[in-house]
């Protein structure tokens, strides 16, 4: 498994679309910023065949400090979740290395 950075992603898209890296980087950054802003407003983002980003509220709960064993209250918080789309799931599953 390899990690692809934003820089590498920009290079791949730039080569595929024959756009400059500067222009491609600006578009990719705008895309990511837009997703972030929508999630900050708790909006659901559905990218058909890719997946869904959502903000969910986690309830407060009682946790335990592993070092001391002391119980602590963990406050409620918002978290971003991603649910993989069906087509993405199928494409990844059918592309297994043997």
PDB file of N, CA and C in Angstrom:
ATOM      1  N   UNK A   1       0.848  -1.171   0.000  1.00  0.00           N
ATOM      2  CA  UNK A   1       0.000   0.000   0.000  1.00  0.00           C
ATOM      3  C   UNK A   1       0.896   1.237   0.000  1.00  0.00           C
ATOM      4  N   UNK A   2       0.503   2.225  -0.787  1.00  0.00           N
ATOM      5  CA  UNK A   2       1.257   3.460  -0.925  1.00  0.00           C
ATOM      6  C   UNK A   2       0.395   4.636  -0.488  1.00  0.00           C
ATOM      7  N   UNK A   3       1.011   5.625   0.116  1.00  0.00           N
ATOM      8  CA  UNK A   3       0.309   6.852   0.474  1.00  0.00           C
ATOM      9  C   UNK A   3       0.478   7.858  -0.657  1.00  0.00           C
ATOM     10  N   UNK A   4      -0.639   8.431  -1.093  1.00  0.00           N
ATOM     11  CA  UNK A   4      -0.616   9.459  -2.129  1.00  0.00           C
ATOM     12  C   UNK A   4      -0.840  10.805  -1.450  1.00  0.00           C
ATOM     13  N   UNK A   5       0.083  11.729  -1.650  1.00  0.00           N
ATOM     14  CA  UNK A   5      -0.041  13.057  -1.042  1.00  0.00           C
ATOM     15  C   UNK A   5      -0.861  13.973  -1.955  1.00  0.00           C
ATOM     16  N   UNK A   6      -1.242  15.125  -1.421  1.00  0.00           N
ATOM     17  CA  UNK A   6      -1.985  16.097  -2.231  1.00  0.00           C
ATOM     18  C   UNK A   6      -1.130  16.529  -3.426  1.00  0.00           C
ATOM     19  N   UNK A   7       0.161  16.702  -3.207  1.00  0.00           N
ATOM     20  CA  UNK A   7       1.065  17.100  -4.292  1.00  0.00           C
ATOM     21  C   UNK A   7       1.056  16.064  -5.417  1.00  0.00           C
ATOM     22  N   UNK A   8       1.119  14.784  -5.050  1.00  0.00           N
ATOM     23  CA  UNK A   8       1.103  13.724  -6.058  1.00  0.00           C
ATOM     24  C   UNK A   8      -0.246  13.659  -6.768  1.00  0.00           C
ATOM     25  N   UNK A   9      -1.306  13.888  -6.024  1.00  0.00           N
ATOM     26  CA  UNK A   9      -2.644  13.906  -6.609  1.00  0.00           C
ATOM     27  C   UNK A   9      -2.754  15.042  -7.626  1.00  0.00           C
ATOM     28  N   UNK A  10      -2.238  16.202  -7.273  1.00  0.00           N
ATOM     29  CA  UNK A  10      -2.244  17.352  -8.185  1.00  0.00           C
ATOM     30  C   UNK A  10      -1.457  17.021  -9.450  1.00  0.00           C
ATOM     31  N   UNK A  11      -0.300  16.380  -9.304  1.00  0.00           N
ATOM     32  CA  UNK A  11       0.509  16.005 -10.468  1.00  0.00           C
ATOM     33  C   UNK A  11      -0.248  15.058 -11.380  1.00  0.00           C
ATOM     34  N   UNK A  12      -0.910  14.042 -10.802  1.00  0.00           N
ATOM     35  CA  UNK A  12      -1.668  13.074 -11.609  1.00  0.00           C
ATOM     36  C   UNK A  12      -2.806  13.760 -12.361  1.00  0.00           C
ATOM     37  N   UNK A  13      -3.553  14.606 -11.667  1.00  0.00           N
ATOM     38  CA  UNK A  13      -4.673  15.300 -12.303  1.00  0.00           C
ATOM     39  C   UNK A  13      -4.161  16.265 -13.364  1.00  0.00           C
ATOM     40  N   UNK A  14      -3.074  16.959 -13.065  1.00  0.00           N
ATOM     41  CA  UNK A  14      -2.477  17.898 -14.011  1.00  0.00           C
ATOM     42  C   UNK A  14      -2.066  17.186 -15.295  1.00  0.00           C
ATOM     43  N   UNK A  15      -1.417  16.044 -15.165  1.00  0.00           N
ATOM     44  CA  UNK A  15      -1.000  15.274 -16.338  1.00  0.00           C
ATOM     45  C   UNK A  15      -2.197  14.768 -17.132  1.00  0.00           C
ATOM     46  N   UNK A  16      -3.215  14.299 -16.432  1.00  0.00           N
ATOM     47  CA  UNK A  16      -4.404  13.736 -17.081  1.00  0.00           C
ATOM     48  C   UNK A  16      -5.205  14.811 -17.821  1.00  0.00           C
ATOM     49  N   UNK A  17      -5.285  16.001 -17.257  1.00  0.00           N
ATOM     50  CA  UNK A  17      -6.111  17.067 -17.839  1.00  0.00           C
ATOM     51  C   UNK A  17      -5.316  18.053 -18.686  1.00  0.00           C
ATOM     52  N   UNK A  18      -4.002  17.892 -18.700  1.00  0.00           N
ATOM     53  CA  UNK A  18      -3.106  18.782 -19.434  1.00  0.00           C
ATOM     54  C   UNK A  18      -3.251  20.239 -18.980  1.00  0.00           C
ATOM     55  N   UNK A  19      -3.516  20.426 -17.691  1.00  0.00           N
ATOM     56  CA  UNK A  19      -3.564  21.754 -17.069  1.00  0.00           C
ATOM     57  C   UNK A  19      -2.246  21.972 -16.326  1.00  0.00           C
ATOM     58  N   UNK A  20      -1.938  23.219 -16.047  1.00  0.00           N
ATOM     59  CA  UNK A  20      -0.721  23.486 -15.282  1.00  0.00           C
ATOM     60  C   UNK A  20      -0.911  22.983 -13.852  1.00  0.00           C
ATOM     61  N   UNK A  21       0.199  22.682 -13.203  1.00  0.00           N
ATOM     62  CA  UNK A  21       0.134  22.224 -11.810  1.00  0.00           C
ATOM     63  C   UNK A  21      -0.412  23.321 -10.906  1.00  0.00           C
ATOM     64  N   UNK A  22      -0.074  24.566 -11.208  1.00  0.00           N
ATOM     65  CA  UNK A  22      -0.542  25.692 -10.390  1.00  0.00           C
ATOM     66  C   UNK A  22      -2.067  25.781 -10.448  1.00  0.00           C
ATOM     67  N   UNK A  23      -2.610  25.709 -11.648  1.00  0.00           N
ATOM     68  CA  UNK A  23      -4.066  25.790 -11.821  1.00  0.00           C
ATOM     69  C   UNK A  23      -4.745  24.579 -11.185  1.00  0.00           C
ATOM     70  N   UNK A  24      -4.179  23.406 -11.398  1.00  0.00           N
ATOM     71  CA  UNK A  24      -4.747  22.184 -10.835  1.00  0.00           C
ATOM     72  C   UNK A  24      -4.719  22.226  -9.317  1.00  0.00           C
ATOM     73  N   UNK A  25      -3.605  22.698  -8.746  1.00  0.00           N
ATOM     74  CA  UNK A  25      -3.498  22.789  -7.286  1.00  0.00           C
ATOM     75  C   UNK A  25      -4.563  23.726  -6.731  1.00  0.00           C
ATOM     76  N   UNK A  26      -4.805  24.843  -7.409  1.00  0.00           N
ATOM     77  CA  UNK A  26      -5.824  25.802  -6.967  1.00  0.00           C
ATOM     78  C   UNK A  26      -7.214  25.165  -6.986  1.00  0.00           C
ATOM     79  N   UNK A  27      -7.498  24.389  -8.017  1.00  0.00           N
ATOM     80  CA  UNK A  27      -8.808  23.732  -8.128  1.00  0.00           C
ATOM     81  C   UNK A  27      -8.968  22.676  -7.044  1.00  0.00           C
ATOM     82  N   UNK A  28      -7.943  21.858  -6.836  1.00  0.00           N
ATOM     83  CA  UNK A  28      -8.003  20.822  -5.798  1.00  0.00           C
ATOM     84  C   UNK A  28      -8.175  21.469  -4.427  1.00  0.00           C
ATOM     85  N   UNK A  29      -7.445  22.538  -4.161  1.00  0.00           N
ATOM     86  CA  UNK A  29      -7.551  23.218  -2.870  1.00  0.00           C
ATOM     87  C   UNK A  29      -8.934  23.826  -2.686  1.00  0.00           C
ATOM     88  N   UNK A  30      -9.495  24.403  -3.741  1.00  0.00           N
ATOM     89  CA  UNK A  30     -10.845  24.963  -3.675  1.00  0.00           C
ATOM     90  C   UNK A  30     -11.862  23.867  -3.371  1.00  0.00           C
ATOM     91  N   UNK A  31     -11.704  22.708  -4.002  1.00  0.00           N
ATOM     92  CA  UNK A  31     -12.581  21.560  -3.760  1.00  0.00           C
ATOM     93  C   UNK A  31     -12.521  21.143  -2.289  1.00  0.00           C
ATOM     94  N   UNK A  32     -11.314  21.005  -1.756  1.00  0.00           N
ATOM     95  CA  UNK A  32     -11.145  20.596  -0.359  1.00  0.00           C
ATOM     96  C   UNK A  32     -11.670  21.653   0.606  1.00  0.00           C
ATOM     97  N   UNK A  33     -11.418  22.919   0.309  1.00  0.00           N
ATOM     98  CA  UNK A  33     -11.914  24.009   1.161  1.00  0.00           C
ATOM     99  C   UNK A  33     -13.436  24.047   1.174  1.00  0.00           C
ATOM    100  N   UNK A  34     -14.043  23.804   0.016  1.00  0.00           N
ATOM    101  CA  UNK A  34     -15.502  23.800  -0.078  1.00  0.00           C
ATOM    102  C   UNK A  34     -16.089  22.674   0.758  1.00  0.00           C
ATOM    103  N   UNK A  35     -15.496  21.490   0.686  1.00  0.00           N
ATOM    104  CA  UNK A  35     -15.964  20.369   1.511  1.00  0.00           C
ATOM    105  C   UNK A  35     -15.837  20.731   2.985  1.00  0.00           C
ATOM    106  N   UNK A  36     -14.704  21.277   3.384  1.00  0.00           N
ATOM    107  CA  UNK A  36     -14.481  21.650   4.782  1.00  0.00           C
ATOM    108  C   UNK A  36     -15.522  22.671   5.251  1.00  0.00           C
ATOM    109  N   UNK A  37     -15.778  23.695   4.443  1.00  0.00           N
ATOM    110  CA  UNK A  37     -16.746  24.732   4.822  1.00  0.00           C
ATOM    111  C   UNK A  37     -18.152  24.159   4.970  1.00  0.00           C
ATOM    112  N   UNK A  38     -18.534  23.286   4.060  1.00  0.00           N
ATOM    113  CA  UNK A  38     -19.868  22.682   4.140  1.00  0.00           C
ATOM    114  C   UNK A  38     -19.991  21.814   5.391  1.00  0.00           C
ATOM    115  N   UNK A  39     -18.943  21.082   5.718  1.00  0.00           N
ATOM    116  CA  UNK A  39     -18.970  20.250   6.927  1.00  0.00           C
ATOM    117  C   UNK A  39     -18.995  21.109   8.185  1.00  0.00           C
ATOM    118  N   UNK A  40     -18.329  22.253   8.158  1.00  0.00           N
ATOM    119  CA  UNK A  40     -18.367  23.171   9.305  1.00  0.00           C
ATOM    120  C   UNK A  40     -19.789  23.637   9.588  1.00  0.00           C
ATOM    121  N   UNK A  41     -20.619  23.688   8.540  1.00  0.00           N
ATOM    122  CA  UNK A  41     -22.026  24.068   8.688  1.00  0.00           C
ATOM    123  C   UNK A  41     -22.925  22.838   8.842  1.00  0.00           C
ATOM    124  N   UNK A  42     -22.317  21.691   9.128  1.00  0.00           N
ATOM    125  CA  UNK A  42     -23.024  20.419   9.341  1.00  0.00           C
ATOM    126  C   UNK A  42     -23.825  19.969   8.126  1.00  0.00           C
ATOM    127  N   UNK A  43     -23.403  20.366   6.935  1.00  0.00           N
ATOM    128  CA  UNK A  43     -24.067  19.916   5.718  1.00  0.00           C
ATOM    129  C   UNK A  43     -23.537  18.550   5.309  1.00  0.00           C
ATOM    130  N   UNK A  44     -24.414  17.754   4.719  1.00  0.00           N
ATOM    131  CA  UNK A  44     -24.078  16.419   4.221  1.00  0.00           C
ATOM    132  C   UNK A  44     -23.572  16.574   2.789  1.00  0.00           C
ATOM    133  N   UNK A  45     -22.472  15.900   2.463  1.00  0.00           N
ATOM    134  CA  UNK A  45     -21.906  15.982   1.121  1.00  0.00           C
ATOM    135  C   UNK A  45     -21.955  14.599   0.494  1.00  0.00           C
ATOM    136  N   UNK A  46     -22.743  14.474  -0.559  1.00  0.00           N
ATOM    137  CA  UNK A  46     -22.891  13.193  -1.246  1.00  0.00           C
ATOM    138  C   UNK A  46     -22.226  13.289  -2.608  1.00  0.00           C
ATOM    139  N   UNK A  47     -21.204  12.474  -2.810  1.00  0.00           N
ATOM    140  CA  UNK A  47     -20.511  12.391  -4.090  1.00  0.00           C
ATOM    141  C   UNK A  47     -20.863  11.029  -4.691  1.00  0.00           C
ATOM    142  N   UNK A  48     -21.804  11.036  -5.615  1.00  0.00           N
ATOM    143  CA  UNK A  48     -22.349   9.811  -6.191  1.00  0.00           C
ATOM    144  C   UNK A  48     -21.230   8.885  -6.660  1.00  0.00           C
ATOM    145  N   UNK A  49     -21.347   7.605  -6.361  1.00  0.00           N
ATOM    146  CA  UNK A  49     -20.384   6.544  -6.705  1.00  0.00           C
ATOM    147  C   UNK A  49     -19.072   6.648  -5.927  1.00  0.00           C
ATOM    148  N   UNK A  50     -18.932   7.649  -5.073  1.00  0.00           N
ATOM    149  CA  UNK A  50     -17.715   7.804  -4.271  1.00  0.00           C
ATOM    150  C   UNK A  50     -18.021   7.577  -2.803  1.00  0.00           C
ATOM    151  N   UNK A  51     -18.902   8.409  -2.237  1.00  0.00           N
ATOM    152  CA  UNK A  51     -19.257   8.250  -0.833  1.00  0.00           C
ATOM    153  C   UNK A  51     -19.935   9.482  -0.280  1.00  0.00           C
ATOM    154  N   UNK A  52     -20.200   9.444   1.024  1.00  0.00           N
ATOM    155  CA  UNK A  52     -20.920  10.521   1.697  1.00  0.00           C
ATOM    156  C   UNK A  52     -20.130  10.977   2.921  1.00  0.00           C
ATOM    157  N   UNK A  53     -19.904  12.281   3.014  1.00  0.00           N
ATOM    158  CA  UNK A  53     -19.318  12.891   4.202  1.00  0.00           C
ATOM    159  C   UNK A  53     -20.462  13.454   5.030  1.00  0.00           C
ATOM    160  N   UNK A  54     -20.438  13.204   6.338  1.00  0.00           N
ATOM    161  CA  UNK A  54     -21.466  13.722   7.229  1.00  0.00           C
ATOM    162  C   UNK A  54     -20.845  14.137   8.547  1.00  0.00           C
ATOM    163  N   UNK A  55     -21.497  15.067   9.220  1.00  0.00           N
ATOM    164  CA  UNK A  55     -21.105  15.438  10.572  1.00  0.00           C
ATOM    165  C   UNK A  55     -22.113  14.789  11.508  1.00  0.00           C
ATOM    166  N   UNK A  56     -21.614  14.027  12.473  1.00  0.00           N
ATOM    167  CA  UNK A  56     -22.488  13.370  13.442  1.00  0.00           C
ATOM    168  C   UNK A  56     -22.127  13.843  14.843  1.00  0.00           C
ATOM    169  N   UNK A  57     -23.118  13.843  15.699  1.00  0.00           N
ATOM    170  CA  UNK A  57     -22.931  14.252  17.092  1.00  0.00           C
ATOM    171  C   UNK A  57     -22.673  13.006  17.935  1.00  0.00           C
ATOM    172  N   UNK A  58     -21.565  12.965  18.616  1.00  0.00           N
ATOM    173  CA  UNK A  58     -21.266  11.879  19.549  1.00  0.00           C
ATOM    174  C   UNK A  58     -21.732  12.317  20.930  1.00  0.00           C
ATOM    175  N   UNK A  59     -22.427  11.438  21.626  1.00  0.00           N
ATOM    176  CA  UNK A  59     -22.934  11.751  22.966  1.00  0.00           C
ATOM    177  C   UNK A  59     -21.797  11.805  23.973  1.00  0.00           C
ATOM    178  N   UNK A  60     -22.044  12.525  25.052  1.00  0.00           N
ATOM    179  CA  UNK A  60     -21.059  12.511  26.134  1.00  0.00           C
ATOM    180  C   UNK A  60     -21.090  11.127  26.772  1.00  0.00           C
ATOM    181  N   UNK A  61     -19.989  10.755  27.383  1.00  0.00           N
ATOM    182  CA  UNK A  61     -19.902   9.422  27.983  1.00  0.00           C
ATOM    183  C   UNK A  61     -18.888   9.449  29.112  1.00  0.00           C
ATOM    184  N   UNK A  62     -18.878   8.382  29.854  1.00  0.00           N
ATOM    185  CA  UNK A  62     -17.889   8.242  30.917  1.00  0.00           C
ATOM    186  C   UNK A  62     -16.754   7.389  30.371  1.00  0.00           C
ATOM    187  N   UNK A  63     -15.535   7.915  30.468  1.00  0.00           N
ATOM    188  CA  UNK A  63     -14.359   7.185  30.027  1.00  0.00           C
ATOM    189  C   UNK A  63     -13.466   6.876  31.212  1.00  0.00           C
ATOM    190  N   UNK A  64     -12.356   6.229  30.928  1.00  0.00           N
ATOM    191  CA  UNK A  64     -11.436   5.862  31.994  1.00  0.00           C
ATOM    192  C   UNK A  64     -10.019   6.212  31.562  1.00  0.00           C
ATOM    193  N   UNK A  65      -9.284   6.881  32.443  1.00  0.00           N
ATOM    194  CA  UNK A  65      -7.884   7.190  32.196  1.00  0.00           C
ATOM    195  C   UNK A  65      -7.111   5.874  32.320  1.00  0.00           C
ATOM    196  N   UNK A  66      -6.455   5.412  31.246  1.00  0.00           N
ATOM    197  CA  UNK A  66      -5.773   4.115  31.294  1.00  0.00           C
ATOM    198  C   UNK A  66      -4.601   4.066  32.277  1.00  0.00           C
ATOM    199  N   UNK A  67      -3.982   5.203  32.557  1.00  0.00           N
ATOM    200  CA  UNK A  67      -2.846   5.221  33.491  1.00  0.00           C
ATOM    201  C   UNK A  67      -3.290   5.115  34.938  1.00  0.00           C
ATOM    202  N   UNK A  68      -4.313   5.901  35.279  1.00  0.00           N
ATOM    203  CA  UNK A  68      -4.708   5.977  36.690  1.00  0.00           C
ATOM    204  C   UNK A  68      -5.951   5.164  37.014  1.00  0.00           C
ATOM    205  N   UNK A  69      -6.712   4.791  35.994  1.00  0.00           N
ATOM    206  CA  UNK A  69      -7.958   4.074  36.239  1.00  0.00           C
ATOM    207  C   UNK A  69      -9.093   5.002  36.649  1.00  0.00           C
ATOM    208  N   UNK A  70      -8.795   6.281  36.763  1.00  0.00           N
ATOM    209  CA  UNK A  70      -9.787   7.268  37.179  1.00  0.00           C
ATOM    210  C   UNK A  70     -10.841   7.444  36.079  1.00  0.00           C
ATOM    211  N   UNK A  71     -12.116   7.542  36.487  1.00  0.00           N
ATOM    212  CA  UNK A  71     -13.168   7.790  35.506  1.00  0.00           C
ATOM    213  C   UNK A  71     -13.211   9.282  35.197  1.00  0.00           C
ATOM    214  N   UNK A  72     -13.417   9.577  33.931  1.00  0.00           N
ATOM    215  CA  UNK A  72     -13.496  10.960  33.482  1.00  0.00           C
ATOM    216  C   UNK A  72     -14.697  11.112  32.553  1.00  0.00           C
ATOM    217  N   UNK A  73     -15.283  12.294  32.565  1.00  0.00           N
ATOM    218  CA  UNK A  73     -16.404  12.551  31.675  1.00  0.00           C
ATOM    219  C   UNK A  73     -15.859  13.042  30.342  1.00  0.00           C
ATOM    220  N   UNK A  74     -16.227  12.357  29.267  1.00  0.00           N
ATOM    221  CA  UNK A  74     -15.840  12.760  27.921  1.00  0.00           C
ATOM    222  C   UNK A  74     -17.023  13.554  27.359  1.00  0.00           C
ATOM    223  N   UNK A  75     -16.813  14.817  27.009  1.00  0.00           N
ATOM    224  CA  UNK A  75     -17.933  15.651  26.549  1.00  0.00           C
ATOM    225  C   UNK A  75     -18.445  15.230  25.169  1.00  0.00           C
ATOM    226  N   UNK A  76     -19.669  15.642  24.857  1.00  0.00           N
ATOM    227  CA  UNK A  76     -20.207  15.372  23.523  1.00  0.00           C
ATOM    228  C   UNK A  76     -19.400  16.189  22.517  1.00  0.00           C
ATOM    229  N   UNK A  77     -19.383  15.708  21.284  1.00  0.00           N
ATOM    230  CA  UNK A  77     -18.609  16.402  20.254  1.00  0.00           C
ATOM    231  C   UNK A  77     -19.126  16.032  18.875  1.00  0.00           C
ATOM    232  N   UNK A  78     -18.768  16.835  17.915  1.00  0.00           N
ATOM    233  CA  UNK A  78     -19.111  16.556  16.526  1.00  0.00           C
ATOM    234  C   UNK A  78     -17.925  15.863  15.869  1.00  0.00           C
ATOM    235  N   UNK A  79     -18.219  14.867  15.031  1.00  0.00           N
ATOM    236  CA  UNK A  79     -17.173  14.167  14.292  1.00  0.00           C
ATOM    237  C   UNK A  79     -17.586  14.058  12.825  1.00  0.00           C
ATOM    238  N   UNK A  80     -16.604  14.033  11.952  1.00  0.00           N
ATOM    239  CA  UNK A  80     -16.860  13.846  10.527  1.00  0.00           C
ATOM    240  C   UNK A  80     -16.783  12.358  10.233  1.00  0.00           C
ATOM    241  N   UNK A  81     -17.789  11.860   9.511  1.00  0.00           N
ATOM    242  CA  UNK A  81     -17.783  10.458   9.107  1.00  0.00           C
ATOM    243  C   UNK A  81     -17.786  10.383   7.584  1.00  0.00           C
ATOM    244  N   UNK A  82     -17.305   9.271   7.064  1.00  0.00           N
ATOM    245  CA  UNK A  82     -17.324   9.028   5.619  1.00  0.00           C
ATOM    246  C   UNK A  82     -17.849   7.632   5.391  1.00  0.00           C
ATOM    247  N   UNK A  83     -18.888   7.528   4.592  1.00  0.00           N
ATOM    248  CA  UNK A  83     -19.430   6.218   4.228  1.00  0.00           C
ATOM    249  C   UNK A  83     -19.114   5.997   2.756  1.00  0.00           C
ATOM    250  N   UNK A  84     -18.411   4.914   2.482  1.00  0.00           N
ATOM    251  CA  UNK A  84     -17.985   4.597   1.122  1.00  0.00           C
ATOM    252  C   UNK A  84     -19.198   4.259   0.264  1.00  0.00           C
ATOM    253  N   UNK A  85     -19.213   4.771  -0.959  1.00  0.00           N
ATOM    254  CA  UNK A  85     -20.287   4.480  -1.906  1.00  0.00           C
ATOM    255  C   UNK A  85     -20.191   3.052  -2.421  1.00  0.00           C
ATOM    256  N   UNK A  86     -21.326   2.536  -2.878  1.00  0.00           N
ATOM    257  CA  UNK A  86     -21.396   1.149  -3.343  1.00  0.00           C
ATOM    258  C   UNK A  86     -20.424   0.882  -4.492  1.00  0.00           C
ATOM    259  N   UNK A  87     -20.396   1.762  -5.493  1.00  0.00           N
ATOM    260  CA  UNK A  87     -19.511   1.542  -6.642  1.00  0.00           C
ATOM    261  C   UNK A  87     -18.048   1.573  -6.220  1.00  0.00           C
ATOM    262  N   UNK A  88     -17.683   2.513  -5.356  1.00  0.00           N
ATOM    263  CA  UNK A  88     -16.304   2.585  -4.861  1.00  0.00           C
ATOM    264  C   UNK A  88     -15.949   1.292  -4.130  1.00  0.00           C
ATOM    265  N   UNK A  89     -16.861   0.830  -3.286  1.00  0.00           N
ATOM    266  CA  UNK A  89     -16.628  -0.391  -2.523  1.00  0.00           C
ATOM    267  C   UNK A  89     -16.403  -1.575  -3.466  1.00  0.00           C
ATOM    268  N   UNK A  90     -17.233  -1.667  -4.508  1.00  0.00           N
ATOM    269  CA  UNK A  90     -17.104  -2.759  -5.480  1.00  0.00           C
ATOM    270  C   UNK A  90     -15.797  -2.651  -6.258  1.00  0.00           C
ATOM    271  N   UNK A  91     -15.453  -1.440  -6.683  1.00  0.00           N
ATOM    272  CA  UNK A  91     -14.220  -1.242  -7.457  1.00  0.00           C
ATOM    273  C   UNK A  91     -12.983  -1.608  -6.647  1.00  0.00           C
ATOM    274  N   UNK A  92     -12.951  -1.206  -5.391  1.00  0.00           N
ATOM    275  CA  UNK A  92     -11.803  -1.515  -4.530  1.00  0.00           C
ATOM    276  C   UNK A  92     -11.740  -3.016  -4.259  1.00  0.00           C
ATOM    277  N   UNK A  93     -12.891  -3.628  -3.990  1.00  0.00           N
ATOM    278  CA  UNK A  93     -12.931  -5.059  -3.683  1.00  0.00           C
ATOM    279  C   UNK A  93     -12.521  -5.905  -4.886  1.00  0.00           C
ATOM    280  N   UNK A  94     -12.873  -5.484  -6.091  1.00  0.00           N
ATOM    281  CA  UNK A  94     -12.556  -6.276  -7.281  1.00  0.00           C
ATOM    282  C   UNK A  94     -11.118  -6.069  -7.738  1.00  0.00           C
ATOM    283  N   UNK A  95     -10.402  -5.147  -7.119  1.00  0.00           N
ATOM    284  CA  UNK A  95      -9.036  -4.838  -7.504  1.00  0.00           C
ATOM    285  C   UNK A  95      -8.030  -5.351  -6.481  1.00  0.00           C
ATOM    286  N   UNK A  96      -8.379  -6.444  -5.787  1.00  0.00           N
ATOM    287  CA  UNK A  96      -7.501  -7.008  -4.753  1.00  0.00           C
ATOM    288  C   UNK A  96      -6.219  -7.543  -5.362  1.00  0.00           C
ATOM    289  N   UNK A  97      -5.122  -7.390  -4.609  1.00  0.00           N
ATOM    290  CA  UNK A  97      -3.857  -7.997  -5.042  1.00  0.00           C
ATOM    291  C   UNK A  97      -3.852  -9.445  -4.590  1.00  0.00           C
ATOM    292  N   UNK A  98      -3.327 -10.314  -5.442  1.00  0.00           N
ATOM    293  CA  UNK A  98      -3.316 -11.746  -5.111  1.00  0.00           C
ATOM    294  C   UNK A  98      -1.932 -12.224  -4.826  1.00  0.00           C
TER     295      UNK A  98
END
